[in-house]
Every structure is written in C-alpha cells, then in structure tokens.
Amino acid sequence: MPKKLLPITAFAKEIGVSQQRISQLVKKGVIPINKNKLIDVDQAKAILSDRKKIDDNIPWSKTLADARIKTESIRAEMLELDYRKKRGELIEREKVMHMVTGIISISKTKLLSIPTKVAPLIVGSDSIKKIKNIIEKEIRFALEELARMKEV
C-alpha cells in the first residue's frame, strides 16, 4: 500500500492543527518532510501521538482562533479578579496570612493567661462546681474579647 503523502497545509487541515504549528514542528525536525516538501501522514501522526504522550507541554492549539479565545478568556478572568479586588471582595493572600498570624498570636496570649488569672481565685475553693464556674467565666471572657476584635 502506497504511503499517503501530503503538503503541510493539507496535513495540518487533516489533523485539525494550524499550518503554522506544523511548519514549526517541521523546522524543529520533529516531523520529517521529504525533498518534495511532503509529509508521510502515518509516520507524522505516529510521531505526534508519541510526542504528545511524552510532552504534554507542547503548545497544541488547534487553530489561531482557539488560542485567541483562550487568551481572551484569561484576560476576562484577570479583569474579573481585579474588579472583585477593587470592590473589596478579595483580599491579598499575604494580608490574610498576616491577619491570621496576628489572630492566632493574640488568641494564644489570651488563653495562656487564663491559668495565671484563675489560680488565685480557685486556691481557696472547696467545690469542683465553683472551680469549674471560675474557669468557664474566664474562658468566656477571653473568647468575648477575641470576638470583639475588629482588626489585628
């Protein structure tokens, strides 16, 4: 059975890829071309299939229109994020990390101070219920202070 040979344009159309992309691959030596500038279709398809399995990072847009659609989609996403940031719906990651670190630090300080505040109050207590109430009261006080915090 004779080999199916096609020029770059026809081969590109057959596999649904831009002519420019096929020309790039020919220039890089990925797809061999004969002296008449024809491509062995079966051989080229096998090469591209193997290469795609090995390297999925090949820019593989089917057409220039697909690449433009992808570019416009990314641009629209970036504009949406910028808009939401300006409206105050989004906060920068570093700012959030700073806030969370501050909240954890203040929470740790408040909670670790409870034993110091409570110890003198429970020394003379004779009932577990009374001790429990003192500890609970101090924990609630610390939690209420944390809840009232507006900004770190």
C-alpha atoms as a PDB file:
ATOM      1  CA  MET A   1       0.000   0.000   0.000  1.00  0.00           C
ATOM      2  CA  PRO A   2       1.494   3.361  -1.004  1.00  0.00           C
ATOM      3  CA  LYS A   3       2.352   5.973   1.581  1.00  0.00           C
ATOM      4  CA  LYS A   4      -0.084   8.827   1.978  1.00  0.00           C
ATOM      5  CA  LEU A   5       1.917  11.991   1.395  1.00  0.00           C
ATOM      6  CA  LEU A   6       0.510  15.478   1.951  1.00  0.00           C
ATOM      7  CA  PRO A   7       1.822  19.027   1.849  1.00  0.00           C
ATOM      8  CA  ILE A   8       1.999  20.905   5.172  1.00  0.00           C
ATOM      9  CA  THR A   9      -1.292  22.745   4.608  1.00  0.00           C
ATOM     10  CA  ALA A  10      -3.286  19.603   3.817  1.00  0.00           C
ATOM     11  CA  PHE A  11      -1.697  17.656   6.689  1.00  0.00           C
ATOM     12  CA  ALA A  12      -2.483  20.445   9.138  1.00  0.00           C
ATOM     13  CA  LYS A  13      -6.091  20.524   7.948  1.00  0.00           C
ATOM     14  CA  GLU A  14      -6.369  16.727   8.202  1.00  0.00           C
ATOM     15  CA  ILE A  15      -5.289  16.591  11.840  1.00  0.00           C
ATOM     16  CA  GLY A  16      -7.020  19.850  12.821  1.00  0.00           C
ATOM     17  CA  VAL A  17      -3.917  21.847  13.725  1.00  0.00           C
ATOM     18  CA  SER A  18      -2.770  25.201  12.375  1.00  0.00           C
ATOM     19  CA  GLN A  19      -0.437  25.246   9.409  1.00  0.00           C
ATOM     20  CA  GLN A  20       1.937  27.435  11.411  1.00  0.00           C
ATOM     21  CA  ARG A  21       2.239  24.796  14.122  1.00  0.00           C
ATOM     22  CA  ILE A  22       3.042  22.050  11.628  1.00  0.00           C
ATOM     23  CA  SER A  23       5.630  24.312   9.962  1.00  0.00           C
ATOM     24  CA  GLN A  24       7.230  24.901  13.386  1.00  0.00           C
ATOM     25  CA  LEU A  25       7.430  21.172  14.022  1.00  0.00           C
ATOM     26  CA  VAL A  26       8.931  20.571  10.576  1.00  0.00           C
ATOM     27  CA  LYS A  27      11.563  23.298  11.164  1.00  0.00           C
ATOM     28  CA  LYS A  28      12.411  21.794  14.564  1.00  0.00           C
ATOM     29  CA  GLY A  29      12.856  18.391  12.916  1.00  0.00           C
ATOM     30  CA  VAL A  30      10.035  16.786  14.849  1.00  0.00           C
ATOM     31  CA  ILE A  31       8.073  15.969  11.689  1.00  0.00           C
ATOM     32  CA  PRO A  32      10.190  14.745   8.767  1.00  0.00           C
ATOM     33  CA  ILE A  33       9.485  16.120   5.316  1.00  0.00           C
ATOM     34  CA  ASN A  34      10.721  14.697   2.024  1.00  0.00           C
ATOM     35  CA  LYS A  35      12.567  16.552  -0.742  1.00  0.00           C
ATOM     36  CA  ASN A  36       9.245  17.432  -2.407  1.00  0.00           C
ATOM     37  CA  LYS A  37       8.129  19.042   0.882  1.00  0.00           C
ATOM     38  CA  LEU A  38       5.543  16.349   1.536  1.00  0.00           C
ATOM     39  CA  ILE A  39       4.782  14.713   4.864  1.00  0.00           C
ATOM     40  CA  ASP A  40       4.295  10.970   5.346  1.00  0.00           C
ATOM     41  CA  VAL A  41       0.907  11.138   7.121  1.00  0.00           C
ATOM     42  CA  ASP A  42       1.106   7.838   9.036  1.00  0.00           C
ATOM     43  CA  GLN A  43       4.662   8.488  10.190  1.00  0.00           C
ATOM     44  CA  ALA A  44       3.905  12.070  11.256  1.00  0.00           C
ATOM     45  CA  LYS A  45       0.746  11.044  13.125  1.00  0.00           C
ATOM     46  CA  ALA A  46       2.690   8.348  14.990  1.00  0.00           C
ATOM     47  CA  ILE A  47       5.428  10.863  15.906  1.00  0.00           C
ATOM     48  CA  LEU A  48       2.909  13.418  17.117  1.00  0.00           C
ATOM     49  CA  SER A  49       0.993  10.802  19.077  1.00  0.00           C
ATOM     50  CA  ASP A  50       4.173   9.610  20.812  1.00  0.00           C
ATOM     51  CA  ARG A  51       5.402  13.151  21.391  1.00  0.00           C
ATOM     52  CA  LYS A  52       2.070  14.246  22.863  1.00  0.00           C
ATOM     53  CA  LYS A  53       2.205  11.342  25.327  1.00  0.00           C
ATOM     54  CA  ILE A  54       5.768  12.249  26.324  1.00  0.00           C
ATOM     55  CA  ASP A  55       5.445  16.023  26.370  1.00  0.00           C
ATOM     56  CA  ASP A  56       2.025  17.479  27.084  1.00  0.00           C
ATOM     57  CA  ASN A  57       3.653  20.912  27.336  1.00  0.00           C
ATOM     58  CA  ILE A  58       3.718  21.345  23.561  1.00  0.00           C
ATOM     59  CA  PRO A  59       1.609  24.383  22.730  1.00  0.00           C
ATOM     60  CA  TRP A  60      -1.109  22.475  20.934  1.00  0.00           C
ATOM     61  CA  SER A  61      -3.845  24.886  19.947  1.00  0.00           C
ATOM     62  CA  LYS A  62      -5.960  23.590  17.099  1.00  0.00           C
ATOM     63  CA  THR A  63      -6.270  26.958  15.454  1.00  0.00           C
ATOM     64  CA  LEU A  64      -5.251  30.541  15.917  1.00  0.00           C
ATOM     65  CA  ALA A  65      -8.868  31.268  16.828  1.00  0.00           C
ATOM     66  CA  ASP A  66      -8.657  28.765  19.716  1.00  0.00           C
ATOM     67  CA  ALA A  67      -5.519  30.477  21.002  1.00  0.00           C
ATOM     68  CA  ARG A  68      -7.228  33.865  20.829  1.00  0.00           C
ATOM     69  CA  ILE A  69     -10.288  32.548  22.650  1.00  0.00           C
ATOM     70  CA  LYS A  70      -8.060  31.165  25.399  1.00  0.00           C
ATOM     71  CA  THR A  71      -6.173  34.474  25.643  1.00  0.00           C
ATOM     72  CA  GLU A  72      -9.403  36.475  25.859  1.00  0.00           C
ATOM     73  CA  SER A  73     -10.770  34.073  28.455  1.00  0.00           C
ATOM     74  CA  ILE A  74      -7.682  34.546  30.637  1.00  0.00           C
ATOM     75  CA  ARG A  75      -7.855  38.331  30.158  1.00  0.00           C
ATOM     76  CA  ALA A  76     -11.534  38.300  31.209  1.00  0.00           C
ATOM     77  CA  GLU A  77     -10.694  36.256  34.326  1.00  0.00           C
ATOM     78  CA  MET A  78      -7.933  38.703  35.266  1.00  0.00           C
ATOM     79  CA  LEU A  79     -10.271  41.677  34.807  1.00  0.00           C
ATOM     80  CA  GLU A  80     -12.912  39.945  36.940  1.00  0.00           C
ATOM     81  CA  LEU A  81     -10.380  39.329  39.716  1.00  0.00           C
ATOM     82  CA  ASP A  82      -9.191  42.949  39.539  1.00  0.00           C
ATOM     83  CA  TYR A  83     -12.791  44.188  39.702  1.00  0.00           C
ATOM     84  CA  ARG A  84     -13.619  41.980  42.699  1.00  0.00           C
ATOM     85  CA  LYS A  85     -10.429  43.091  44.467  1.00  0.00           C
ATOM     86  CA  LYS A  86     -11.336  46.766  43.979  1.00  0.00           C
ATOM     87  CA  ARG A  87     -14.843  46.104  45.349  1.00  0.00           C
ATOM     88  CA  GLY A  88     -13.284  44.603  48.456  1.00  0.00           C
ATOM     89  CA  GLU A  89     -14.494  41.071  47.736  1.00  0.00           C
ATOM     90  CA  LEU A  90     -10.953  39.687  47.541  1.00  0.00           C
ATOM     91  CA  ILE A  91      -8.031  40.106  49.898  1.00  0.00           C
ATOM     92  CA  GLU A  92      -4.392  39.529  49.035  1.00  0.00           C
ATOM     93  CA  ARG A  93      -3.009  36.259  50.331  1.00  0.00           C
ATOM     94  CA  GLU A  94      -0.166  37.943  52.255  1.00  0.00           C
ATOM     95  CA  LYS A  95      -2.600  40.246  54.055  1.00  0.00           C
ATOM     96  CA  VAL A  96      -4.769  37.277  55.056  1.00  0.00           C
ATOM     97  CA  MET A  97      -1.721  35.361  56.306  1.00  0.00           C
ATOM     98  CA  HIS A  98      -0.656  38.407  58.365  1.00  0.00           C
ATOM     99  CA  MET A  99      -4.151  38.725  59.851  1.00  0.00           C
ATOM    100  CA  VAL A 100      -4.411  35.025  60.683  1.00  0.00           C
ATOM    101  CA  THR A 101      -0.971  35.028  62.299  1.00  0.00           C
ATOM    102  CA  GLY A 102      -1.974  38.035  64.429  1.00  0.00           C
ATOM    103  CA  ILE A 103      -5.247  36.426  65.490  1.00  0.00           C
ATOM    104  CA  ILE A 104      -3.504  33.192  66.457  1.00  0.00           C
ATOM    105  CA  SER A 105      -0.853  35.085  68.395  1.00  0.00           C
ATOM    106  CA  ILE A 106      -3.415  37.140  70.355  1.00  0.00           C
ATOM    107  CA  SER A 107      -5.556  34.035  70.958  1.00  0.00           C
ATOM    108  CA  LYS A 108      -2.556  32.139  72.291  1.00  0.00           C
ATOM    109  CA  THR A 109      -1.671  35.005  74.651  1.00  0.00           C
ATOM    110  CA  LYS A 110      -5.254  35.320  75.941  1.00  0.00           C
ATOM    111  CA  LEU A 111      -5.665  31.582  76.511  1.00  0.00           C
ATOM    112  CA  LEU A 112      -2.276  31.130  78.167  1.00  0.00           C
ATOM    113  CA  SER A 113      -3.048  33.958  80.605  1.00  0.00           C
ATOM    114  CA  ILE A 114      -6.123  32.147  81.956  1.00  0.00           C
ATOM    115  CA  PRO A 115      -4.260  29.890  84.433  1.00  0.00           C
ATOM    116  CA  THR A 116      -2.425  32.901  85.893  1.00  0.00           C
ATOM    117  CA  LYS A 117      -5.690  34.805  86.397  1.00  0.00           C
ATOM    118  CA  VAL A 118      -7.663  31.806  87.674  1.00  0.00           C
ATOM    119  CA  ALA A 119      -5.113  30.169  90.005  1.00  0.00           C
ATOM    120  CA  PRO A 120      -5.504  32.688  92.887  1.00  0.00           C
ATOM    121  CA  LEU A 121      -9.302  32.506  92.583  1.00  0.00           C
ATOM    122  CA  ILE A 122      -9.507  28.719  92.904  1.00  0.00           C
ATOM    123  CA  VAL A 123      -6.908  28.195  95.637  1.00  0.00           C
ATOM    124  CA  GLY A 124      -9.413  28.548  98.441  1.00  0.00           C
ATOM    125  CA  SER A 125     -12.366  26.993  96.570  1.00  0.00           C
ATOM    126  CA  ASP A 126     -13.788  23.871  98.140  1.00  0.00           C
ATOM    127  CA  SER A 127     -16.128  22.654  95.387  1.00  0.00           C
ATOM    128  CA  ILE A 128     -15.458  21.423  91.891  1.00  0.00           C
ATOM    129  CA  LYS A 129     -18.573  23.226  90.634  1.00  0.00           C
ATOM    130  CA  LYS A 130     -17.218  26.563  91.887  1.00  0.00           C
ATOM    131  CA  ILE A 131     -13.794  25.924  90.282  1.00  0.00           C
ATOM    132  CA  LYS A 132     -15.477  24.930  87.021  1.00  0.00           C
ATOM    133  CA  ASN A 133     -17.565  28.126  87.017  1.00  0.00           C
ATOM    134  CA  ILE A 134     -14.496  30.308  87.637  1.00  0.00           C
ATOM    135  CA  ILE A 135     -12.567  28.675  84.786  1.00  0.00           C
ATOM    136  CA  GLU A 136     -15.552  28.839  82.409  1.00  0.00           C
ATOM    137  CA  LYS A 137     -16.126  32.508  83.241  1.00  0.00           C
ATOM    138  CA  GLU A 138     -12.516  33.391  82.451  1.00  0.00           C
ATOM    139  CA  ILE A 139     -12.548  31.379  79.189  1.00  0.00           C
ATOM    140  CA  ARG A 140     -15.774  33.085  78.089  1.00  0.00           C
ATOM    141  CA  PHE A 141     -14.275  36.484  78.931  1.00  0.00           C
ATOM    142  CA  ALA A 142     -11.201  35.715  76.781  1.00  0.00           C
ATOM    143  CA  LEU A 143     -13.381  34.470  73.903  1.00  0.00           C
ATOM    144  CA  GLU A 144     -15.626  37.549  74.075  1.00  0.00           C
ATOM    145  CA  GLU A 145     -12.561  39.796  73.906  1.00  0.00           C
ATOM    146  CA  LEU A 146     -11.382  37.918  70.833  1.00  0.00           C
ATOM    147  CA  ALA A 147     -14.831  38.188  69.249  1.00  0.00           C
ATOM    148  CA  ARG A 148     -14.828  41.970  69.746  1.00  0.00           C
ATOM    149  CA  MET A 149     -11.548  42.362  67.887  1.00  0.00           C
ATOM    150  CA  LYS A 150     -12.045  44.266  64.630  1.00  0.00           C
ATOM    151  CA  GLU A 151      -8.547  44.390  63.210  1.00  0.00           C
ATOM    152  CA  VAL A 152      -5.210  42.840  64.029  1.00  0.00           C
END
